[in-house]
Amino acid sequence: MRSVIQAATGRTIGADYNTGYLQAGAIEVPLINARDGDIIQITNPTNTQPNADYVGLHTAIVLDNLGNGKFRVIDSNSNYDGIVRIRDNYNPAELSTRQPGLVVRVYRIE
């Protein structure tokens, strides 16, 4: 994700899974307002350190907001294989309910 953001915007994302985006000048927007280019981050706010690794931690880039909380996104490692894929009907709010403590945040870099 960091290399994609660097190439697209010229900005460097910090190491933390949440504050790293804010340090790069991103703003947080409501999930309902997510649009193409925004970054959806699912994390447990108690563990956003660079070495975090737990079930549910996930990052995706929005390609389209399909409405009703669903998105067309591009992401990697959704099947724990490191492959980059386009996913239709990605529902981050639903995914965040699968593990306790997960929250969804959306970052926009303009």
N, C-alpha and C. Protein backbone atom coordinates (compact mmCIF):
# COMPACT_ATOMS: atom_id res chain seq x y z
N MET A 1 0.82 -1.17 0.00
CA MET A 1 0.00 0.00 0.00
C MET A 1 0.87 1.25 0.00
N ARG A 2 1.92 1.21 0.81
CA ARG A 2 2.78 2.40 0.90
C ARG A 2 3.39 2.76 -0.46
N SER A 3 3.83 1.76 -1.20
CA SER A 3 4.46 2.05 -2.50
C SER A 3 3.44 2.56 -3.51
N VAL A 4 2.21 2.07 -3.45
CA VAL A 4 1.16 2.55 -4.36
C VAL A 4 0.85 4.01 -4.06
N ILE A 5 0.68 4.34 -2.80
CA ILE A 5 0.39 5.73 -2.40
C ILE A 5 1.56 6.63 -2.77
N GLN A 6 2.77 6.18 -2.55
CA GLN A 6 3.96 6.97 -2.91
C GLN A 6 3.98 7.26 -4.40
N ALA A 7 3.73 6.24 -5.22
CA ALA A 7 3.75 6.42 -6.67
C ALA A 7 2.61 7.32 -7.15
N ALA A 8 1.45 7.19 -6.54
CA ALA A 8 0.28 7.95 -7.00
C ALA A 8 0.27 9.38 -6.50
N THR A 9 0.78 9.63 -5.28
CA THR A 9 0.65 10.96 -4.69
C THR A 9 1.97 11.64 -4.39
N GLY A 10 3.05 10.85 -4.35
CA GLY A 10 4.34 11.41 -3.96
C GLY A 10 4.50 11.54 -2.46
N ARG A 11 3.51 11.09 -1.70
CA ARG A 11 3.56 11.19 -0.24
C ARG A 11 3.99 9.86 0.37
N THR A 12 4.64 9.96 1.50
CA THR A 12 5.12 8.78 2.20
C THR A 12 4.21 8.50 3.39
N ILE A 13 3.65 7.31 3.42
CA ILE A 13 2.80 6.89 4.53
C ILE A 13 3.69 6.44 5.68
N GLY A 14 3.38 6.91 6.88
CA GLY A 14 4.13 6.49 8.06
C GLY A 14 3.90 5.02 8.37
N ALA A 15 4.61 4.51 9.33
CA ALA A 15 4.60 3.08 9.62
C ALA A 15 3.33 2.61 10.34
N ASP A 16 2.70 3.46 11.14
CA ASP A 16 1.53 3.06 11.90
C ASP A 16 0.34 2.88 10.96
N TYR A 17 -0.47 1.85 11.20
CA TYR A 17 -1.59 1.54 10.31
C TYR A 17 -2.68 2.60 10.30
N ASN A 18 -2.75 3.46 11.29
CA ASN A 18 -3.73 4.54 11.28
C ASN A 18 -3.08 5.90 11.20
N THR A 19 -2.24 6.26 12.15
CA THR A 19 -1.66 7.60 12.14
C THR A 19 -0.72 7.82 10.97
N GLY A 20 -0.20 6.76 10.39
CA GLY A 20 0.69 6.90 9.22
C GLY A 20 0.02 7.63 8.07
N TYR A 21 -1.26 7.39 7.87
CA TYR A 21 -1.99 8.08 6.80
C TYR A 21 -2.19 9.55 7.14
N LEU A 22 -2.52 9.82 8.39
CA LEU A 22 -2.72 11.21 8.81
C LEU A 22 -1.42 11.99 8.73
N GLN A 23 -0.32 11.36 9.07
CA GLN A 23 0.99 12.01 8.98
C GLN A 23 1.34 12.36 7.54
N ALA A 24 0.78 11.62 6.59
CA ALA A 24 1.04 11.88 5.17
C ALA A 24 0.07 12.93 4.60
N GLY A 25 -0.79 13.47 5.46
CA GLY A 25 -1.71 14.52 5.02
C GLY A 25 -3.10 14.02 4.65
N ALA A 26 -3.38 12.76 4.92
CA ALA A 26 -4.72 12.24 4.64
C ALA A 26 -5.72 12.82 5.63
N ILE A 27 -6.97 12.85 5.20
CA ILE A 27 -8.06 13.20 6.10
C ILE A 27 -8.94 11.97 6.24
N GLU A 28 -9.59 11.84 7.38
CA GLU A 28 -10.50 10.72 7.58
C GLU A 28 -11.89 11.15 7.14
N VAL A 29 -12.55 10.28 6.36
CA VAL A 29 -13.90 10.55 5.88
C VAL A 29 -14.82 9.41 6.29
N PRO A 30 -16.13 9.68 6.40
CA PRO A 30 -17.07 8.60 6.74
C PRO A 30 -17.10 7.53 5.65
N LEU A 31 -17.31 6.30 6.05
CA LEU A 31 -17.36 5.18 5.10
C LEU A 31 -18.37 5.44 3.99
N ILE A 32 -19.51 5.98 4.32
CA ILE A 32 -20.55 6.22 3.32
C ILE A 32 -20.08 7.18 2.22
N ASN A 33 -19.09 8.03 2.54
CA ASN A 33 -18.57 9.00 1.56
C ASN A 33 -17.33 8.52 0.82
N ALA A 34 -16.90 7.30 1.07
CA ALA A 34 -15.69 6.80 0.41
C ALA A 34 -15.88 6.83 -1.10
N ARG A 35 -14.81 7.23 -1.79
CA ARG A 35 -14.86 7.32 -3.26
C ARG A 35 -13.57 6.76 -3.84
N ASP A 36 -13.51 6.72 -5.15
CA ASP A 36 -12.34 6.15 -5.81
C ASP A 36 -11.07 6.83 -5.32
N GLY A 37 -10.09 6.00 -5.03
CA GLY A 37 -8.80 6.47 -4.54
C GLY A 37 -8.67 6.50 -3.04
N ASP A 38 -9.79 6.45 -2.32
CA ASP A 38 -9.73 6.44 -0.87
C ASP A 38 -9.20 5.09 -0.37
N ILE A 39 -8.68 5.10 0.83
CA ILE A 39 -8.09 3.91 1.44
C ILE A 39 -8.98 3.45 2.58
N ILE A 40 -9.43 2.22 2.51
CA ILE A 40 -10.21 1.64 3.60
C ILE A 40 -9.27 0.80 4.44
N GLN A 41 -9.26 1.09 5.74
CA GLN A 41 -8.38 0.40 6.67
C GLN A 41 -9.22 -0.24 7.77
N ILE A 42 -9.09 -1.55 7.93
CA ILE A 42 -9.75 -2.26 9.02
C ILE A 42 -8.65 -2.63 10.03
N THR A 43 -8.78 -2.10 11.25
CA THR A 43 -7.78 -2.37 12.29
C THR A 43 -8.44 -2.50 13.65
N ASN A 44 -7.67 -2.98 14.58
CA ASN A 44 -8.04 -2.89 15.98
C ASN A 44 -7.25 -1.69 16.50
N PRO A 45 -7.93 -0.63 16.93
CA PRO A 45 -7.23 0.59 17.34
C PRO A 45 -6.22 0.40 18.46
N THR A 46 -6.30 -0.71 19.17
CA THR A 46 -5.32 -0.96 20.23
C THR A 46 -4.03 -1.54 19.69
N ASN A 47 -4.00 -1.88 18.38
CA ASN A 47 -2.80 -2.44 17.78
C ASN A 47 -2.69 -2.02 16.32
N THR A 48 -2.10 -0.85 16.12
CA THR A 48 -1.89 -0.35 14.76
C THR A 48 -0.40 -0.17 14.48
N GLN A 49 0.41 -0.81 15.29
CA GLN A 49 1.86 -0.70 15.16
C GLN A 49 2.32 -1.30 13.83
N PRO A 50 3.49 -0.89 13.35
CA PRO A 50 3.99 -1.38 12.07
C PRO A 50 4.10 -2.91 11.97
N ASN A 51 4.35 -3.57 13.07
CA ASN A 51 4.50 -5.03 13.04
C ASN A 51 3.19 -5.76 13.36
N ALA A 52 2.07 -5.04 13.39
CA ALA A 52 0.78 -5.66 13.70
C ALA A 52 0.47 -6.75 12.68
N ASP A 53 -0.06 -7.85 13.18
CA ASP A 53 -0.44 -8.96 12.32
C ASP A 53 -1.51 -9.77 13.05
N TYR A 54 -2.75 -9.61 12.64
CA TYR A 54 -3.84 -10.32 13.30
C TYR A 54 -5.00 -10.49 12.33
N VAL A 55 -5.87 -11.43 12.64
CA VAL A 55 -7.03 -11.71 11.81
C VAL A 55 -7.90 -10.47 11.73
N GLY A 56 -8.24 -10.07 10.52
CA GLY A 56 -9.11 -8.92 10.31
C GLY A 56 -8.38 -7.67 9.88
N LEU A 57 -7.09 -7.55 10.17
CA LEU A 57 -6.31 -6.39 9.73
C LEU A 57 -6.28 -6.39 8.21
N HIS A 58 -6.74 -5.29 7.60
CA HIS A 58 -6.82 -5.28 6.15
C HIS A 58 -6.85 -3.86 5.60
N THR A 59 -6.31 -3.70 4.39
CA THR A 59 -6.29 -2.43 3.70
C THR A 59 -6.74 -2.64 2.27
N ALA A 60 -7.54 -1.71 1.75
CA ALA A 60 -8.00 -1.78 0.36
C ALA A 60 -8.12 -0.37 -0.20
N ILE A 61 -7.98 -0.24 -1.50
CA ILE A 61 -8.16 1.03 -2.19
C ILE A 61 -9.48 0.98 -2.95
N VAL A 62 -10.30 2.00 -2.75
CA VAL A 62 -11.62 2.06 -3.37
C VAL A 62 -11.48 2.36 -4.86
N LEU A 63 -12.13 1.54 -5.67
CA LEU A 63 -12.26 1.81 -7.10
C LEU A 63 -13.63 2.43 -7.39
N ASP A 64 -14.68 1.92 -6.71
CA ASP A 64 -16.04 2.43 -6.87
C ASP A 64 -16.81 2.23 -5.58
N ASN A 65 -17.64 3.21 -5.24
CA ASN A 65 -18.58 3.07 -4.14
C ASN A 65 -19.87 2.56 -4.76
N LEU A 66 -20.25 1.33 -4.43
CA LEU A 66 -21.43 0.69 -5.02
C LEU A 66 -22.70 1.00 -4.25
N GLY A 67 -22.59 1.69 -3.12
CA GLY A 67 -23.74 2.00 -2.28
C GLY A 67 -24.03 0.89 -1.30
N ASN A 68 -24.87 1.19 -0.34
CA ASN A 68 -25.26 0.22 0.69
C ASN A 68 -24.06 -0.39 1.41
N GLY A 69 -22.98 0.38 1.57
CA GLY A 69 -21.82 -0.10 2.32
C GLY A 69 -20.92 -1.03 1.55
N LYS A 70 -21.17 -1.18 0.24
CA LYS A 70 -20.35 -2.09 -0.58
C LYS A 70 -19.50 -1.30 -1.56
N PHE A 71 -18.34 -1.89 -1.85
CA PHE A 71 -17.36 -1.21 -2.70
C PHE A 71 -16.72 -2.18 -3.66
N ARG A 72 -16.23 -1.64 -4.74
CA ARG A 72 -15.31 -2.36 -5.62
C ARG A 72 -13.94 -1.83 -5.25
N VAL A 73 -13.05 -2.75 -4.84
CA VAL A 73 -11.74 -2.34 -4.34
C VAL A 73 -10.63 -3.15 -4.99
N ILE A 74 -9.44 -2.67 -4.78
CA ILE A 74 -8.26 -3.44 -5.13
C ILE A 74 -7.49 -3.65 -3.83
N ASP A 75 -7.06 -4.86 -3.61
CA ASP A 75 -6.31 -5.17 -2.41
C ASP A 75 -5.39 -6.35 -2.66
N SER A 76 -4.60 -6.65 -1.68
CA SER A 76 -3.74 -7.82 -1.78
C SER A 76 -3.89 -8.66 -0.53
N ASN A 77 -3.56 -9.87 -0.66
CA ASN A 77 -3.51 -10.80 0.45
C ASN A 77 -4.87 -11.13 1.06
N SER A 78 -5.94 -10.89 0.32
CA SER A 78 -7.27 -11.21 0.86
C SER A 78 -7.44 -12.72 1.06
N ASN A 79 -6.67 -13.50 0.33
CA ASN A 79 -6.69 -14.96 0.51
C ASN A 79 -5.40 -15.44 1.16
N TYR A 80 -4.68 -14.52 1.81
CA TYR A 80 -3.42 -14.82 2.50
C TYR A 80 -2.36 -15.40 1.57
N ASP A 81 -2.38 -14.92 0.31
CA ASP A 81 -1.42 -15.42 -0.66
C ASP A 81 -0.58 -14.31 -1.31
N GLY A 82 -0.80 -13.05 -0.90
CA GLY A 82 -0.03 -11.93 -1.42
C GLY A 82 -0.44 -11.47 -2.80
N ILE A 83 -1.45 -12.09 -3.41
CA ILE A 83 -1.88 -11.73 -4.76
C ILE A 83 -2.78 -10.50 -4.71
N VAL A 84 -2.55 -9.57 -5.63
CA VAL A 84 -3.37 -8.37 -5.76
C VAL A 84 -4.61 -8.73 -6.57
N ARG A 85 -5.77 -8.33 -6.06
CA ARG A 85 -7.04 -8.67 -6.73
C ARG A 85 -7.99 -7.48 -6.70
N ILE A 86 -8.90 -7.47 -7.66
CA ILE A 86 -10.05 -6.58 -7.61
C ILE A 86 -11.18 -7.36 -6.98
N ARG A 87 -11.81 -6.77 -5.98
CA ARG A 87 -12.91 -7.43 -5.27
C ARG A 87 -14.17 -6.60 -5.44
N ASP A 88 -15.22 -7.24 -5.90
CA ASP A 88 -16.53 -6.60 -6.00
C ASP A 88 -17.31 -6.88 -4.73
N ASN A 89 -18.23 -6.00 -4.41
CA ASN A 89 -19.10 -6.16 -3.24
C ASN A 89 -18.34 -6.30 -1.92
N TYR A 90 -17.20 -5.64 -1.83
CA TYR A 90 -16.42 -5.62 -0.59
C TYR A 90 -17.20 -4.82 0.45
N ASN A 91 -17.46 -5.42 1.59
CA ASN A 91 -18.25 -4.79 2.63
C ASN A 91 -17.42 -4.71 3.91
N PRO A 92 -16.66 -3.62 4.09
CA PRO A 92 -15.76 -3.54 5.23
C PRO A 92 -16.46 -3.52 6.58
N ALA A 93 -17.65 -2.91 6.65
CA ALA A 93 -18.37 -2.89 7.93
C ALA A 93 -18.73 -4.32 8.35
N GLU A 94 -19.18 -5.10 7.41
CA GLU A 94 -19.51 -6.50 7.71
C GLU A 94 -18.26 -7.28 8.10
N LEU A 95 -17.19 -7.07 7.38
CA LEU A 95 -15.94 -7.78 7.69
C LEU A 95 -15.41 -7.43 9.07
N SER A 96 -15.61 -6.19 9.49
CA SER A 96 -15.09 -5.76 10.79
C SER A 96 -15.83 -6.41 11.95
N THR A 97 -16.99 -6.98 11.71
CA THR A 97 -17.74 -7.63 12.79
C THR A 97 -17.27 -9.06 13.05
N ARG A 98 -16.37 -9.55 12.24
CA ARG A 98 -15.93 -10.94 12.38
C ARG A 98 -14.95 -11.17 13.52
N GLN A 99 -14.32 -10.10 13.97
CA GLN A 99 -13.37 -10.19 15.08
C GLN A 99 -13.67 -9.04 16.05
N PRO A 100 -13.63 -9.28 17.35
CA PRO A 100 -13.89 -8.21 18.31
C PRO A 100 -12.85 -7.10 18.23
N GLY A 101 -13.32 -5.87 18.37
CA GLY A 101 -12.42 -4.72 18.45
C GLY A 101 -12.05 -4.09 17.13
N LEU A 102 -12.44 -4.67 16.00
CA LEU A 102 -12.07 -4.09 14.71
C LEU A 102 -12.94 -2.89 14.37
N VAL A 103 -12.32 -1.88 13.76
CA VAL A 103 -13.03 -0.71 13.29
C VAL A 103 -12.62 -0.41 11.85
N VAL A 104 -13.48 0.29 11.15
CA VAL A 104 -13.22 0.67 9.77
C VAL A 104 -12.94 2.17 9.73
N ARG A 105 -11.87 2.52 9.06
CA ARG A 105 -11.54 3.93 8.84
C ARG A 105 -11.29 4.12 7.36
N VAL A 106 -11.62 5.31 6.88
CA VAL A 106 -11.39 5.64 5.48
C VAL A 106 -10.53 6.89 5.41
N TYR A 107 -9.45 6.79 4.64
CA TYR A 107 -8.51 7.91 4.50
C TYR A 107 -8.52 8.41 3.06
N ARG A 108 -8.49 9.73 2.94
CA ARG A 108 -8.45 10.38 1.62
C ARG A 108 -7.21 11.26 1.56
N ILE A 109 -6.43 11.05 0.52
CA ILE A 109 -5.25 11.89 0.29
C ILE A 109 -5.53 12.73 -0.94
N GLU A 110 -5.56 14.04 -0.74
CA GLU A 110 -5.85 14.93 -1.86
C GLU A 110 -4.64 15.71 -2.25
